[in-house]
């Protein structure tokens, strides 16, 4: 199906664009009352993820309501460990919870790679197909997965954490186990991303949400090595790599075989642009809390960010996901400001 708006794909490839494309991480849900209405009719977040028709519905909502230039499939990064054999629950106001964890070789029985990814994660692939049908070529659809290090954190810690000390402990006490598990996660993730592409994803993003909790050397060994393996394998569509908090590693990330590098709000996009020239597209990176400002201040902050880009190779986004209590009207102001901005280069 021919796309009516392929702006984000052209920006990712470094092709000419008439304006900057804009979308938001976590735009599918959270801030929209229309999303909460759909979720409220189900038992919770997980049932929504696993019900293709409803997942597709909330995927399309931000396109209809906010006017973003791309949809991102409504899903969760933790579908990968569950497919591998480690079931999770999402506990209200607490987050993900794994009853079992992998902290020794015995636990690797919960990290299978010998299964049909397309079959076990068919609900995500079906949601992609339905969403594309509903979008009818209006905008591209983004697929995604968690980076191996971030998935490793949840599979070993068993829940969210400020420090992920149990996960980091394994890097010191049993690095062989760490690499075995990371390799398994990587292999499944590559198959999963390719399955999303085959189902109709026009581009894909890899989220390394917990990249910033490792030092530079450890992240190179236990994070970047596996991100690069994914980057080398995904060649069919544009790929975005987003490693939150990995400031000292960006010089390495921009050299990987990706089209776009996501930046969090603590990163100076002008400095990164000087580093990469026109060789990579950058994505980001307004502070999500900026959307708590007044409408006029949101407009000022957004224009200031756009003035700093100094290149057409940019996809506009926040520096992380939109927060659930942000006023959707402020998001619309952000998006409208981007769409009205005249590129000066």
Protein backbone atom coordinates (compact mmCIF):
# COMPACT_ATOMS: atom_id res chain seq x y z
CA UNK A 1 0.00 0.00 0.00
CA UNK A 2 1.39 3.39 -1.02
CA UNK A 3 1.95 5.80 1.86
CA UNK A 4 0.35 9.24 1.66
CA UNK A 5 2.78 10.58 4.29
CA UNK A 6 6.24 9.00 4.17
CA UNK A 7 7.98 11.98 5.78
CA UNK A 8 9.48 10.00 8.66
CA UNK A 9 10.92 7.36 6.32
CA UNK A 10 12.51 10.01 4.12
CA UNK A 11 13.97 11.76 7.16
CA UNK A 12 15.40 8.47 8.45
CA UNK A 13 17.05 7.79 5.09
CA UNK A 14 18.44 11.32 4.74
CA UNK A 15 16.21 12.10 1.76
CA UNK A 16 14.70 15.57 1.12
CA UNK A 17 11.89 16.61 3.49
CA UNK A 18 9.61 19.65 3.39
CA UNK A 19 9.24 19.75 7.20
CA UNK A 20 10.36 17.75 10.21
CA UNK A 21 8.29 14.63 10.99
CA UNK A 22 7.01 14.28 14.56
CA UNK A 23 5.76 11.44 16.76
CA UNK A 24 6.00 10.58 20.47
CA UNK A 25 7.27 7.57 22.32
CA UNK A 26 4.37 6.05 24.33
CA UNK A 27 1.89 8.02 22.23
CA UNK A 28 -0.29 4.92 21.86
CA UNK A 29 -2.22 5.22 25.11
CA UNK A 30 -1.47 6.83 28.44
CA UNK A 31 -2.55 10.43 27.85
CA UNK A 32 -5.68 9.81 25.78
CA UNK A 33 -9.10 9.31 27.38
CA UNK A 34 -10.03 7.35 24.27
CA UNK A 35 -7.29 4.87 25.16
CA UNK A 36 -8.45 4.60 28.76
CA UNK A 37 -11.96 3.82 27.53
CA UNK A 38 -10.68 0.88 25.47
CA UNK A 39 -8.45 -0.39 28.27
CA UNK A 40 -11.23 -0.01 30.83
CA UNK A 41 -13.37 -2.48 28.93
CA UNK A 42 -10.69 -5.16 29.36
CA UNK A 43 -9.03 -6.77 32.37
CA UNK A 44 -5.93 -4.61 32.04
CA UNK A 45 -2.87 -3.63 30.03
CA UNK A 46 -1.75 -7.16 29.25
CA UNK A 47 -5.08 -8.23 27.80
CA UNK A 48 -5.02 -5.12 25.65
CA UNK A 49 -1.56 -6.01 24.33
CA UNK A 50 -2.70 -9.57 23.56
CA UNK A 51 -5.97 -8.60 21.81
CA UNK A 52 -4.99 -7.63 18.24
CA UNK A 53 -8.16 -5.70 17.38
CA UNK A 54 -7.96 -3.53 20.49
CA UNK A 55 -4.16 -3.10 20.26
CA UNK A 56 -4.61 -1.92 16.68
CA UNK A 57 -7.36 0.46 17.74
CA UNK A 58 -5.20 2.26 20.30
CA UNK A 59 -2.26 2.24 17.87
CA UNK A 60 -4.26 4.32 15.41
CA UNK A 61 -5.78 6.71 17.98
CA UNK A 62 -2.81 9.15 18.15
CA UNK A 63 -2.86 9.49 14.35
CA UNK A 64 -6.55 10.43 14.42
CA UNK A 65 -6.47 12.58 17.56
CA UNK A 66 -2.97 14.11 17.77
CA UNK A 67 -1.96 14.24 14.10
CA UNK A 68 1.42 12.53 14.46
CA UNK A 69 3.42 11.49 11.40
CA UNK A 70 3.75 7.84 12.41
CA UNK A 71 1.93 5.20 14.42
CA UNK A 72 3.82 2.84 16.73
CA UNK A 73 2.32 -0.56 17.41
CA UNK A 74 0.80 -0.84 20.85
CA UNK A 75 2.68 -3.60 22.63
CA UNK A 76 5.25 -4.12 25.38
CA UNK A 77 8.94 -4.97 25.36
CA UNK A 78 8.27 -7.82 27.81
CA UNK A 79 6.44 -9.94 25.26
CA UNK A 80 9.89 -11.24 24.26
CA UNK A 81 10.90 -12.77 27.63
CA UNK A 82 7.40 -14.20 27.98
CA UNK A 83 7.67 -15.83 24.55
CA UNK A 84 11.00 -17.30 25.65
CA UNK A 85 9.36 -18.91 28.68
CA UNK A 86 9.48 -16.32 31.45
CA UNK A 87 5.94 -15.15 32.16
CA UNK A 88 5.30 -11.70 33.57
CA UNK A 89 2.46 -9.81 35.19
CA UNK A 90 1.80 -6.09 35.15
CA UNK A 91 0.77 -4.98 38.61
CA UNK A 92 -1.15 -1.71 38.82
CA UNK A 93 1.01 1.17 40.12
CA UNK A 94 3.98 -1.19 40.59
CA UNK A 95 4.90 -2.27 37.09
CA UNK A 96 6.18 -5.59 35.72
CA UNK A 97 6.62 -8.60 37.96
CA UNK A 98 8.27 -11.95 37.10
CA UNK A 99 7.58 -14.76 39.54
CA UNK A 100 10.69 -16.57 38.31
CA UNK A 101 14.08 -15.06 37.46
CA UNK A 102 17.26 -16.19 35.72
CA UNK A 103 20.26 -15.87 38.04
CA UNK A 104 22.02 -19.17 37.35
CA UNK A 105 22.46 -21.66 34.53
CA UNK A 106 19.43 -23.58 35.82
CA UNK A 107 17.28 -20.59 35.01
CA UNK A 108 18.16 -20.74 31.33
CA UNK A 109 15.30 -23.22 30.90
CA UNK A 110 13.15 -20.06 30.98
CA UNK A 111 15.10 -18.57 28.09
CA UNK A 112 14.27 -20.80 25.15
CA UNK A 113 15.17 -19.86 21.59
CA UNK A 114 13.80 -23.04 20.04
CA UNK A 115 10.33 -21.87 19.12
CA UNK A 116 8.42 -20.27 16.28
CA UNK A 117 8.53 -16.54 17.01
CA UNK A 118 5.82 -15.73 14.48
CA UNK A 119 3.49 -18.27 16.08
CA UNK A 120 4.14 -17.39 19.73
CA UNK A 121 3.96 -13.64 19.12
CA UNK A 122 1.25 -13.84 16.48
CA UNK A 123 -0.97 -11.44 18.41
CA UNK A 124 1.53 -8.60 17.86
CA UNK A 125 1.89 -9.42 14.17
CA UNK A 126 -1.87 -9.58 13.73
CA UNK A 127 -2.21 -6.19 15.45
CA UNK A 128 0.29 -4.74 12.96
CA UNK A 129 -1.73 -6.07 10.02
CA UNK A 130 -5.01 -4.72 11.40
CA UNK A 131 -3.48 -1.34 12.27
CA UNK A 132 -2.05 -0.95 8.78
CA UNK A 133 -5.44 -1.74 7.30
CA UNK A 134 -7.08 0.90 9.51
CA UNK A 135 -4.36 3.44 8.76
CA UNK A 136 -4.93 2.87 5.05
CA UNK A 137 -1.56 4.34 4.09
CA UNK A 138 -2.03 7.61 6.00
CA UNK A 139 1.27 7.26 7.90
CA UNK A 140 3.94 4.61 8.42
CA UNK A 141 3.74 2.09 11.26
CA UNK A 142 6.72 1.64 13.60
CA UNK A 143 7.55 -1.72 15.15
CA UNK A 144 9.80 -2.07 18.18
CA UNK A 145 11.59 -4.27 20.68
CA UNK A 146 13.54 -3.83 23.88
CA UNK A 147 17.32 -3.99 23.60
CA UNK A 148 18.95 -7.18 24.93
CA UNK A 149 20.48 -5.44 27.98
CA UNK A 150 17.14 -3.96 29.07
CA UNK A 151 15.35 -7.29 28.60
CA UNK A 152 18.18 -9.00 30.52
CA UNK A 153 17.56 -6.60 33.41
CA UNK A 154 13.93 -7.65 33.76
CA UNK A 155 14.63 -11.37 33.29
CA UNK A 156 17.26 -11.38 36.04
CA UNK A 157 15.91 -8.74 38.45
CA UNK A 158 12.30 -9.88 38.13
CA UNK A 159 10.87 -6.38 38.41
CA UNK A 160 11.66 -2.74 37.85
CA UNK A 161 14.48 -1.25 39.92
CA UNK A 162 16.39 1.98 40.40
CA UNK A 163 19.72 0.15 40.46
CA UNK A 164 19.16 -3.32 38.90
CA UNK A 165 21.84 -4.51 41.31
CA UNK A 166 20.91 -8.19 40.89
CA UNK A 167 21.34 -7.86 37.13
CA UNK A 168 24.62 -5.99 37.40
CA UNK A 169 25.90 -8.46 39.99
CA UNK A 170 25.75 -11.23 37.37
CA UNK A 171 28.06 -9.23 35.08
CA UNK A 172 30.76 -9.51 37.77
CA UNK A 173 30.04 -12.93 39.24
CA UNK A 174 28.99 -14.91 36.17
CA UNK A 175 29.76 -13.08 32.90
CA UNK A 176 29.50 -16.36 30.98
CA UNK A 177 25.87 -16.69 32.03
CA UNK A 178 25.28 -13.04 31.17
CA UNK A 179 26.59 -13.47 27.64
CA UNK A 180 24.65 -16.69 27.12
CA UNK A 181 21.38 -15.04 28.12
CA UNK A 182 22.12 -11.86 26.16
CA UNK A 183 22.89 -13.93 23.05
CA UNK A 184 19.61 -15.79 23.40
CA UNK A 185 17.64 -12.59 23.84
CA UNK A 186 19.39 -11.08 20.82
CA UNK A 187 18.61 -14.04 18.57
CA UNK A 188 14.92 -13.96 19.48
CA UNK A 189 14.77 -10.17 19.16
CA UNK A 190 16.17 -10.27 15.62
CA UNK A 191 13.56 -12.85 14.62
CA UNK A 192 10.84 -10.82 16.29
CA UNK A 193 11.80 -7.57 14.54
CA UNK A 194 11.97 -9.33 11.18
CA UNK A 195 8.53 -10.84 11.84
CA UNK A 196 7.17 -7.36 12.55
CA UNK A 197 8.67 -6.12 9.29
CA UNK A 198 7.14 -9.04 7.38
CA UNK A 199 3.80 -8.21 8.99
CA UNK A 200 3.99 -4.63 7.71
CA UNK A 201 6.14 -2.47 10.01
CA UNK A 202 7.68 0.31 7.90
CA UNK A 203 10.52 1.00 10.34
CA UNK A 204 11.60 -0.38 13.71
CA UNK A 205 13.10 0.99 16.92
CA UNK A 206 15.16 -0.74 19.61
CA UNK A 207 14.73 0.71 23.11
CA UNK A 208 17.58 0.34 25.62
CA UNK A 209 15.81 1.95 28.54
CA UNK A 210 18.41 0.92 31.12
CA UNK A 211 21.56 1.62 29.11
CA UNK A 212 22.50 4.44 31.47
CA UNK A 213 22.94 2.27 34.56
CA UNK A 214 26.15 0.72 33.18
CA UNK A 215 29.57 2.32 32.90
CA UNK A 216 31.06 2.85 29.46
CA UNK A 217 33.21 -0.31 29.40
CA UNK A 218 30.48 -2.57 30.75
CA UNK A 219 27.92 -1.16 28.37
CA UNK A 220 30.28 -1.79 25.45
CA UNK A 221 30.63 -5.43 26.56
CA UNK A 222 27.09 -6.26 27.68
CA UNK A 223 25.00 -3.72 25.77
CA UNK A 224 26.50 -2.34 22.59
CA UNK A 225 27.82 -5.69 21.40
CA UNK A 226 24.27 -7.00 21.15
CA UNK A 227 22.75 -3.77 19.84
CA UNK A 228 25.26 -3.93 17.01
CA UNK A 229 24.34 -7.53 16.25
CA UNK A 230 20.72 -6.41 15.83
CA UNK A 231 21.76 -3.40 13.73
CA UNK A 232 23.75 -5.64 11.39
CA UNK A 233 20.79 -8.00 10.97
CA UNK A 234 17.98 -5.51 10.34
CA UNK A 235 18.48 -4.23 6.81
CA UNK A 236 14.96 -4.33 5.35
CA UNK A 237 13.59 -1.06 6.79
CA UNK A 238 14.98 2.01 8.60
CA UNK A 239 16.24 1.23 12.10
CA UNK A 240 16.37 3.54 15.12
CA UNK A 241 18.58 2.80 18.14
CA UNK A 242 17.67 4.55 21.39
CA UNK A 243 19.95 4.03 24.39
CA UNK A 244 18.66 6.18 27.23
CA UNK A 245 21.39 7.66 29.42
CA UNK A 246 24.30 6.17 27.44
CA UNK A 247 25.95 9.55 26.86
CA UNK A 248 29.53 8.26 26.75
CA UNK A 249 28.57 5.57 24.23
CA UNK A 250 26.81 7.70 21.62
CA UNK A 251 30.02 8.05 19.59
CA UNK A 252 29.96 4.25 19.19
CA UNK A 253 26.20 3.99 18.56
CA UNK A 254 26.28 6.49 15.69
CA UNK A 255 28.80 4.27 13.90
CA UNK A 256 26.45 1.28 13.89
CA UNK A 257 24.39 0.30 10.83
CA UNK A 258 21.29 2.21 11.84
CA UNK A 259 19.49 5.08 10.14
CA UNK A 260 18.51 7.01 13.25
CA UNK A 261 19.93 7.50 16.74
CA UNK A 262 17.47 8.47 19.46
CA UNK A 263 18.60 11.07 22.00
CA UNK A 264 17.23 11.56 25.51
CA UNK A 265 16.58 15.05 26.87
CA UNK A 266 19.93 15.24 28.71
CA UNK A 267 21.84 15.00 25.44
CA UNK A 268 22.94 18.06 23.47
CA UNK A 269 21.69 17.38 19.95
CA UNK A 270 23.91 20.13 18.48
CA UNK A 271 27.03 18.41 19.83
CA UNK A 272 25.92 15.05 18.47
CA UNK A 273 25.19 16.64 15.09
CA UNK A 274 28.75 17.97 14.96
CA UNK A 275 29.96 14.45 15.74
CA UNK A 276 27.95 12.67 13.03
CA UNK A 277 27.64 15.34 10.34
CA UNK A 278 24.96 14.28 7.84
CA UNK A 279 25.68 10.55 8.20
CA UNK A 280 22.86 9.77 10.64
CA UNK A 281 19.40 11.03 11.42
CA UNK A 282 18.88 12.11 15.03
CA UNK A 283 15.61 11.69 16.92
CA UNK A 284 14.36 13.63 19.92
CA UNK A 285 14.71 15.22 22.31
CA UNK A 286 12.42 17.63 24.16
CA UNK A 287 12.23 17.04 27.92
CA UNK A 288 8.87 15.25 28.47
CA UNK A 289 8.28 17.57 31.45
CA UNK A 290 8.33 20.56 29.09
CA UNK A 291 4.78 19.55 28.17
CA UNK A 292 3.63 20.56 31.66
CA UNK A 293 4.39 24.18 30.68
CA UNK A 294 1.82 26.63 29.35
CA UNK A 295 0.86 26.37 25.68
CA UNK A 296 2.94 29.43 24.83
CA UNK A 297 5.95 28.05 26.71
CA UNK A 298 5.62 24.67 24.97
CA UNK A 299 5.71 26.54 21.66
CA UNK A 300 8.78 28.55 22.70
CA UNK A 301 10.66 25.48 23.98
CA UNK A 302 9.80 23.46 20.88
CA UNK A 303 10.94 26.21 18.50
CA UNK A 304 14.16 26.62 20.48
CA UNK A 305 14.86 22.91 20.10
CA UNK A 306 14.10 23.01 16.39
CA UNK A 307 16.43 26.00 15.93
CA UNK A 308 19.25 23.93 17.43
CA UNK A 309 19.09 21.11 14.90
CA UNK A 310 21.20 22.62 12.07
CA UNK A 311 20.23 19.76 9.77
CA UNK A 312 17.25 18.26 7.97
CA UNK A 313 18.25 14.81 9.21
CA UNK A 314 16.06 14.93 12.28
CA UNK A 315 12.88 13.26 13.52
CA UNK A 316 11.15 15.26 16.25
CA UNK A 317 10.20 13.45 19.44
CA UNK A 318 10.52 13.75 23.18
CA UNK A 319 13.64 12.61 25.00
CA UNK A 320 11.66 9.65 26.36
CA UNK A 321 8.01 8.60 26.58
CA UNK A 322 5.20 11.08 27.15
CA UNK A 323 4.06 11.04 30.79
CA UNK A 324 0.54 9.77 31.51
CA UNK A 325 -0.75 12.92 33.22
CA UNK A 326 0.25 15.32 30.43
CA UNK A 327 -2.61 17.30 28.92
CA UNK A 328 -3.26 16.02 25.35
CA UNK A 329 -3.87 19.62 24.29
CA UNK A 330 -0.26 20.46 25.21
CA UNK A 331 0.86 17.54 23.05
CA UNK A 332 -1.18 18.96 20.19
CA UNK A 333 0.55 22.31 20.68
CA UNK A 334 3.93 20.58 20.49
CA UNK A 335 2.96 18.76 17.30
CA UNK A 336 1.37 21.84 15.69
CA UNK A 337 4.51 23.88 16.44
CA UNK A 338 6.69 21.30 14.72
CA UNK A 339 4.42 21.16 11.70
CA UNK A 340 4.40 24.97 11.37
CA UNK A 341 8.17 25.29 11.72
CA UNK A 342 10.05 26.40 8.61
CA UNK A 343 13.34 24.54 8.17
CA UNK A 344 16.09 27.12 7.72
CA UNK A 345 18.84 24.94 6.20
